[in-house]
Amino acid sequence: MGDDVMTFRPGVLGAHDSVKGFRVVGRDGRAGRVSWASYAPGESYLVVTLGVRRKHHVVPASAVTSVGEGEVQVALSRGQIGQLHDVPHPQVSMEGPTREQAMNAFWAAADVPPTGGM
């Protein structure tokens, strides 16, 4: 599955070396908060915590469109983020089946074919 989906676009992070704790804003408004993030090329993602039940959803790095002061904009709606793979803990390992489940959920929620990019 394309590692480019799991890599932040060049320059999107700007001067920020971490986005943990930043608000996440989807196409249709505020969507949650970044609880965890990985920045390694080909393995980058955000864990976004949503709602009162505090579900943690994996958002591939390529969904990030911009990062401002305390805010991350993503190319997904709040509903699409809620459809993404949820993990029991923000710092869960994204190895093997968890990564595959997260990617499959992303392709389904984003309505993008697995060979394409965002």
C-alpha atoms as a PDB file:
ATOM      1  CA  MET A   1       0.000   0.000   0.000  1.00  0.00           C
ATOM      2  CA  GLY A   2       1.438   3.369  -0.974  1.00  0.00           C
ATOM      3  CA  ASP A   3       3.914   4.636   1.581  1.00  0.00           C
ATOM      4  CA  ASP A   4       3.308   8.122   0.163  1.00  0.00           C
ATOM      5  CA  VAL A   5      -0.077   8.044   1.931  1.00  0.00           C
ATOM      6  CA  MET A   6       1.798   7.540   5.193  1.00  0.00           C
ATOM      7  CA  THR A   7       4.139  10.501   4.594  1.00  0.00           C
ATOM      8  CA  PHE A   8       3.490  14.180   5.281  1.00  0.00           C
ATOM      9  CA  ARG A   9       3.506  16.328   2.151  1.00  0.00           C
ATOM     10  CA  PRO A  10       6.711  18.367   1.797  1.00  0.00           C
ATOM     11  CA  GLY A  11       6.536  21.557   3.864  1.00  0.00           C
ATOM     12  CA  VAL A  12       3.088  20.863   5.361  1.00  0.00           C
ATOM     13  CA  LEU A  13       4.412  20.783   8.929  1.00  0.00           C
ATOM     14  CA  GLY A  14       6.189  24.124   8.474  1.00  0.00           C
ATOM     15  CA  ALA A  15       8.321  24.925  11.507  1.00  0.00           C
ATOM     16  CA  HIS A  16       6.420  22.493  13.759  1.00  0.00           C
ATOM     17  CA  ASP A  17       8.341  19.443  14.930  1.00  0.00           C
ATOM     18  CA  SER A  18       5.268  18.161  16.780  1.00  0.00           C
ATOM     19  CA  VAL A  19       1.508  18.551  16.369  1.00  0.00           C
ATOM     20  CA  LYS A  20       0.540  16.624  19.493  1.00  0.00           C
ATOM     21  CA  GLY A  21      -2.271  18.441  21.274  1.00  0.00           C
ATOM     22  CA  PHE A  22      -3.235  20.476  18.186  1.00  0.00           C
ATOM     23  CA  ARG A  23      -6.906  20.847  17.229  1.00  0.00           C
ATOM     24  CA  VAL A  24      -7.917  18.894  14.128  1.00  0.00           C
ATOM     25  CA  VAL A  25     -10.200  20.650  11.673  1.00  0.00           C
ATOM     26  CA  GLY A  26     -11.897  18.618   8.973  1.00  0.00           C
ATOM     27  CA  ARG A  27     -13.541  19.887   5.810  1.00  0.00           C
ATOM     28  CA  ASP A  28     -16.723  20.537   7.777  1.00  0.00           C
ATOM     29  CA  GLY A  29     -15.341  21.910  11.026  1.00  0.00           C
ATOM     30  CA  ARG A  30     -13.583  20.950  14.230  1.00  0.00           C
ATOM     31  CA  ALA A  31     -13.029  17.215  14.421  1.00  0.00           C
ATOM     32  CA  GLY A  32     -10.963  16.463  17.514  1.00  0.00           C
ATOM     33  CA  ARG A  33      -7.432  16.702  18.850  1.00  0.00           C
ATOM     34  CA  VAL A  34      -4.116  15.071  17.932  1.00  0.00           C
ATOM     35  CA  SER A  35      -3.276  12.611  20.720  1.00  0.00           C
ATOM     36  CA  TRP A  36      -0.229  11.083  19.067  1.00  0.00           C
ATOM     37  CA  ALA A  37       1.719  11.417  15.839  1.00  0.00           C
ATOM     38  CA  SER A  38       4.452   9.573  14.002  1.00  0.00           C
ATOM     39  CA  TYR A  39       6.718  11.500  11.628  1.00  0.00           C
ATOM     40  CA  ALA A  40       8.911   8.809  10.027  1.00  0.00           C
ATOM     41  CA  PRO A  41       8.644   8.929   6.198  1.00  0.00           C
ATOM     42  CA  GLY A  42       6.453   6.076   4.968  1.00  0.00           C
ATOM     43  CA  GLU A  43       5.125   5.511   8.494  1.00  0.00           C
ATOM     44  CA  SER A  44       3.596   8.900   9.373  1.00  0.00           C
ATOM     45  CA  TYR A  45       0.129   9.282  10.825  1.00  0.00           C
ATOM     46  CA  LEU A  46      -1.910  11.136  13.417  1.00  0.00           C
ATOM     47  CA  VAL A  47      -4.034   9.585  16.126  1.00  0.00           C
ATOM     48  CA  VAL A  48      -7.034  11.886  16.460  1.00  0.00           C
ATOM     49  CA  THR A  49      -9.209  11.645  19.553  1.00  0.00           C
ATOM     50  CA  LEU A  50     -12.901  12.335  18.955  1.00  0.00           C
ATOM     51  CA  GLY A  51     -16.006  12.798  21.044  1.00  0.00           C
ATOM     52  CA  VAL A  52     -17.014  12.227  24.628  1.00  0.00           C
ATOM     53  CA  ARG A  53     -16.164   8.533  24.360  1.00  0.00           C
ATOM     54  CA  ARG A  54     -12.635   9.593  23.384  1.00  0.00           C
ATOM     55  CA  LYS A  55     -12.220   7.204  20.451  1.00  0.00           C
ATOM     56  CA  HIS A  56      -8.783   7.299  18.859  1.00  0.00           C
ATOM     57  CA  HIS A  57      -8.725   7.212  15.031  1.00  0.00           C
ATOM     58  CA  VAL A  58      -5.679   6.791  12.784  1.00  0.00           C
ATOM     59  CA  VAL A  59      -5.384   9.491  10.105  1.00  0.00           C
ATOM     60  CA  PRO A  60      -2.637   8.934   7.479  1.00  0.00           C
ATOM     61  CA  ALA A  61      -0.239  11.869   7.154  1.00  0.00           C
ATOM     62  CA  SER A  62      -1.156  12.605   3.543  1.00  0.00           C
ATOM     63  CA  ALA A  63      -4.633  13.701   4.715  1.00  0.00           C
ATOM     64  CA  VAL A  64      -3.019  16.726   6.411  1.00  0.00           C
ATOM     65  CA  THR A  65      -3.425  19.780   4.181  1.00  0.00           C
ATOM     66  CA  SER A  66      -1.942  22.446   6.452  1.00  0.00           C
ATOM     67  CA  VAL A  67      -0.638  23.075   9.943  1.00  0.00           C
ATOM     68  CA  GLY A  68      -1.104  26.410  11.658  1.00  0.00           C
ATOM     69  CA  GLU A  69      -0.587  27.604  15.186  1.00  0.00           C
ATOM     70  CA  GLY A  70      -2.257  24.928  17.310  1.00  0.00           C
ATOM     71  CA  GLU A  71      -4.342  23.583  14.426  1.00  0.00           C
ATOM     72  CA  VAL A  72      -4.107  20.805  11.852  1.00  0.00           C
ATOM     73  CA  GLN A  73      -6.344  20.958   8.765  1.00  0.00           C
ATOM     74  CA  VAL A  74      -7.210  17.640   7.116  1.00  0.00           C
ATOM     75  CA  ALA A  75      -8.850  16.771   3.782  1.00  0.00           C
ATOM     76  CA  LEU A  76     -11.485  14.589   5.464  1.00  0.00           C
ATOM     77  CA  SER A  77     -14.829  15.445   7.020  1.00  0.00           C
ATOM     78  CA  ARG A  78     -15.564  14.761  10.684  1.00  0.00           C
ATOM     79  CA  GLY A  79     -17.725  11.814   9.604  1.00  0.00           C
ATOM     80  CA  GLN A  80     -14.908  10.354   7.505  1.00  0.00           C
ATOM     81  CA  ILE A  81     -12.468  10.652  10.406  1.00  0.00           C
ATOM     82  CA  GLY A  82     -14.991   8.838  12.606  1.00  0.00           C
ATOM     83  CA  GLN A  83     -15.071   5.980  10.076  1.00  0.00           C
ATOM     84  CA  LEU A  84     -11.304   5.516  10.202  1.00  0.00           C
ATOM     85  CA  HIS A  85      -9.728   2.654  12.108  1.00  0.00           C
ATOM     86  CA  ASP A  86      -9.901   3.205  15.848  1.00  0.00           C
ATOM     87  CA  VAL A  87      -7.216   2.025  18.227  1.00  0.00           C
ATOM     88  CA  PRO A  88      -7.514   1.327  21.956  1.00  0.00           C
ATOM     89  CA  HIS A  89      -4.663   3.663  22.895  1.00  0.00           C
ATOM     90  CA  PRO A  90      -3.104   6.651  21.083  1.00  0.00           C
ATOM     91  CA  GLN A  91       0.405   5.199  21.227  1.00  0.00           C
ATOM     92  CA  VAL A  92      -0.488   1.771  19.830  1.00  0.00           C
ATOM     93  CA  SER A  93       2.026   0.165  17.474  1.00  0.00           C
ATOM     94  CA  MET A  94       1.073   0.555  13.810  1.00  0.00           C
ATOM     95  CA  GLU A  95       2.779  -2.654  12.733  1.00  0.00           C
ATOM     96  CA  GLY A  96       1.255  -5.468  10.683  1.00  0.00           C
ATOM     97  CA  PRO A  97      -2.519  -5.971  10.903  1.00  0.00           C
ATOM     98  CA  THR A  98      -3.155  -2.640  12.673  1.00  0.00           C
ATOM     99  CA  ARG A  99      -1.501  -0.734   9.831  1.00  0.00           C
ATOM    100  CA  GLU A 100      -3.405  -2.725   7.209  1.00  0.00           C
ATOM    101  CA  GLN A 101      -6.729  -2.169   9.005  1.00  0.00           C
ATOM    102  CA  ALA A 102      -5.999   1.552   9.304  1.00  0.00           C
ATOM    103  CA  MET A 103      -5.155   1.849   5.617  1.00  0.00           C
ATOM    104  CA  ASN A 104      -8.223  -0.118   4.505  1.00  0.00           C
ATOM    105  CA  ALA A 105     -10.450   2.104   6.658  1.00  0.00           C
ATOM    106  CA  PHE A 106      -8.771   5.202   5.202  1.00  0.00           C
ATOM    107  CA  TRP A 107      -9.361   4.099   1.604  1.00  0.00           C
ATOM    108  CA  ALA A 108     -13.008   3.323   2.385  1.00  0.00           C
ATOM    109  CA  ALA A 109     -13.678   6.570   4.297  1.00  0.00           C
ATOM    110  CA  ALA A 110     -11.828   8.818   1.852  1.00  0.00           C
ATOM    111  CA  ASP A 111     -13.476   7.112  -1.123  1.00  0.00           C
ATOM    112  CA  VAL A 112     -10.113   7.071  -2.901  1.00  0.00           C
ATOM    113  CA  PRO A 113      -8.836   3.963  -4.710  1.00  0.00           C
ATOM    114  CA  PRO A 114      -5.832   2.337  -2.972  1.00  0.00           C
ATOM    115  CA  THR A 115      -3.551   3.124  -5.917  1.00  0.00           C
ATOM    116  CA  GLY A 116      -4.308   6.855  -5.775  1.00  0.00           C
ATOM    117  CA  GLY A 117      -3.208   9.586  -3.444  1.00  0.00           C
ATOM    118  CA  MET A 118      -5.041  12.366  -1.731  1.00  0.00           C
END
